[in-house]
């Protein structure tokens, strides 16, 4: 992925952690971006460091842990934007996979 590109992807793993009575989403443990579809090509430039998330509602039944975030849209243009789609899914992962 490069600057200016828009893709549909799966991000893995992301971490949900309970803080101050709420679940917070962290991307720092992420090891993989699986590109499912390229919507528009990039210009070859660097991916920005800043991040904005839209529409990523965390299901109430989910608990602290590692998840695979499937079918999100990523856009890299001045800021990395992650958006939920109608196909976005949260798949809980076994933490033993990452030791």
Protein backbone atom coordinates (compact mmCIF):
# COMPACT_ATOMS: atom_id res chain seq x y z
CA UNK A 1 0.00 0.00 0.00
CA UNK A 2 1.25 3.50 -0.84
CA UNK A 3 0.12 7.10 -0.40
CA UNK A 4 -3.12 7.91 -2.23
CA UNK A 5 -4.24 4.28 -2.45
CA UNK A 6 -7.64 2.97 -1.35
CA UNK A 7 -8.09 -0.73 -0.60
CA UNK A 8 -10.42 -3.17 1.07
CA UNK A 9 -8.44 -5.15 3.62
CA UNK A 10 -8.30 -7.40 6.67
CA UNK A 11 -6.19 -6.11 9.59
CA UNK A 12 -4.72 -8.60 12.03
CA UNK A 13 -4.36 -8.58 14.93
CA UNK A 14 -5.95 -5.53 16.49
CA UNK A 15 -6.50 -5.36 20.23
CA UNK A 16 -9.56 -4.43 22.24
CA UNK A 17 -8.75 -3.38 25.78
CA UNK A 18 -11.02 -2.20 28.56
CA UNK A 19 -10.03 1.22 29.87
CA UNK A 20 -12.10 3.45 32.14
CA UNK A 21 -15.12 1.18 31.68
CA UNK A 22 -15.02 1.29 27.87
CA UNK A 23 -13.43 -0.84 25.16
CA UNK A 24 -10.61 0.88 23.28
CA UNK A 25 -9.30 -0.31 19.91
CA UNK A 26 -5.51 -0.48 19.40
CA UNK A 27 -3.75 -1.07 16.09
CA UNK A 28 -0.23 -1.31 17.60
CA UNK A 29 -0.08 -5.15 17.69
CA UNK A 30 -1.00 -5.36 13.99
CA UNK A 31 1.31 -7.62 12.00
CA UNK A 32 -0.57 -7.97 8.73
CA UNK A 33 -2.65 -6.02 6.23
CA UNK A 34 -4.23 -8.48 3.82
CA UNK A 35 -5.31 -6.60 0.70
CA UNK A 36 -8.60 -8.02 -0.56
CA UNK A 37 -9.23 -5.48 -3.34
CA UNK A 38 -7.54 -2.37 -4.70
CA UNK A 39 -10.18 0.31 -5.23
CA UNK A 40 -7.80 3.01 -6.48
CA UNK A 41 -4.01 2.90 -6.98
CA UNK A 42 -1.53 4.96 -5.00
CA UNK A 43 1.23 7.29 -6.12
CA UNK A 44 4.12 5.33 -4.57
CA UNK A 45 4.64 7.81 -1.71
CA UNK A 46 4.91 7.07 2.00
CA UNK A 47 1.93 6.05 4.15
CA UNK A 48 1.04 8.77 6.68
CA UNK A 49 1.45 8.19 10.42
CA UNK A 50 -1.83 9.81 11.55
CA UNK A 51 -4.96 7.66 11.72
CA UNK A 52 -8.68 8.33 11.59
CA UNK A 53 -11.29 5.60 12.12
CA UNK A 54 -14.91 5.85 10.96
CA UNK A 55 -17.87 3.61 11.68
CA UNK A 56 -15.95 0.94 13.59
CA UNK A 57 -18.63 0.10 16.12
CA UNK A 58 -17.33 -2.46 18.60
CA UNK A 59 -20.03 -5.09 19.21
CA UNK A 60 -21.20 -5.07 22.86
CA UNK A 61 -20.60 -8.82 23.24
CA UNK A 62 -16.88 -8.44 22.47
CA UNK A 63 -14.35 -8.62 25.28
CA UNK A 64 -10.75 -7.60 25.76
CA UNK A 65 -8.48 -9.53 23.41
CA UNK A 66 -7.04 -9.84 19.92
CA UNK A 67 -9.23 -9.71 16.81
CA UNK A 68 -8.98 -9.94 13.05
CA UNK A 69 -10.82 -6.94 11.58
CA UNK A 70 -12.16 -8.10 8.22
CA UNK A 71 -13.40 -6.10 5.23
CA UNK A 72 -12.52 -2.52 6.13
CA UNK A 73 -11.63 0.22 3.67
CA UNK A 74 -8.20 1.85 4.05
CA UNK A 75 -7.36 5.15 2.36
CA UNK A 76 -3.91 6.70 2.56
CA UNK A 77 -4.06 10.38 1.63
CA UNK A 78 -2.53 12.83 4.10
CA UNK A 79 -3.98 10.68 6.89
CA UNK A 80 -4.60 6.93 7.08
CA UNK A 81 -8.39 6.47 7.15
CA UNK A 82 -10.00 3.20 8.23
CA UNK A 83 -13.72 2.84 7.52
CA UNK A 84 -16.19 0.08 8.27
CA UNK A 85 -18.15 -1.38 5.36
CA UNK A 86 -21.39 -3.33 5.31
CA UNK A 87 -19.21 -6.49 5.27
CA UNK A 88 -16.93 -5.56 8.22
CA UNK A 89 -16.54 -8.43 10.72
CA UNK A 90 -14.69 -8.87 14.03
CA UNK A 91 -13.12 -12.33 14.42
CA UNK A 92 -11.71 -13.16 17.87
CA UNK A 93 -8.21 -14.67 17.75
CA UNK A 94 -6.51 -17.12 20.07
CA UNK A 95 -3.74 -15.17 21.87
CA UNK A 96 -1.52 -18.30 21.76
CA UNK A 97 -1.11 -17.66 18.01
CA UNK A 98 1.04 -14.60 18.80
CA UNK A 99 3.51 -15.92 21.38
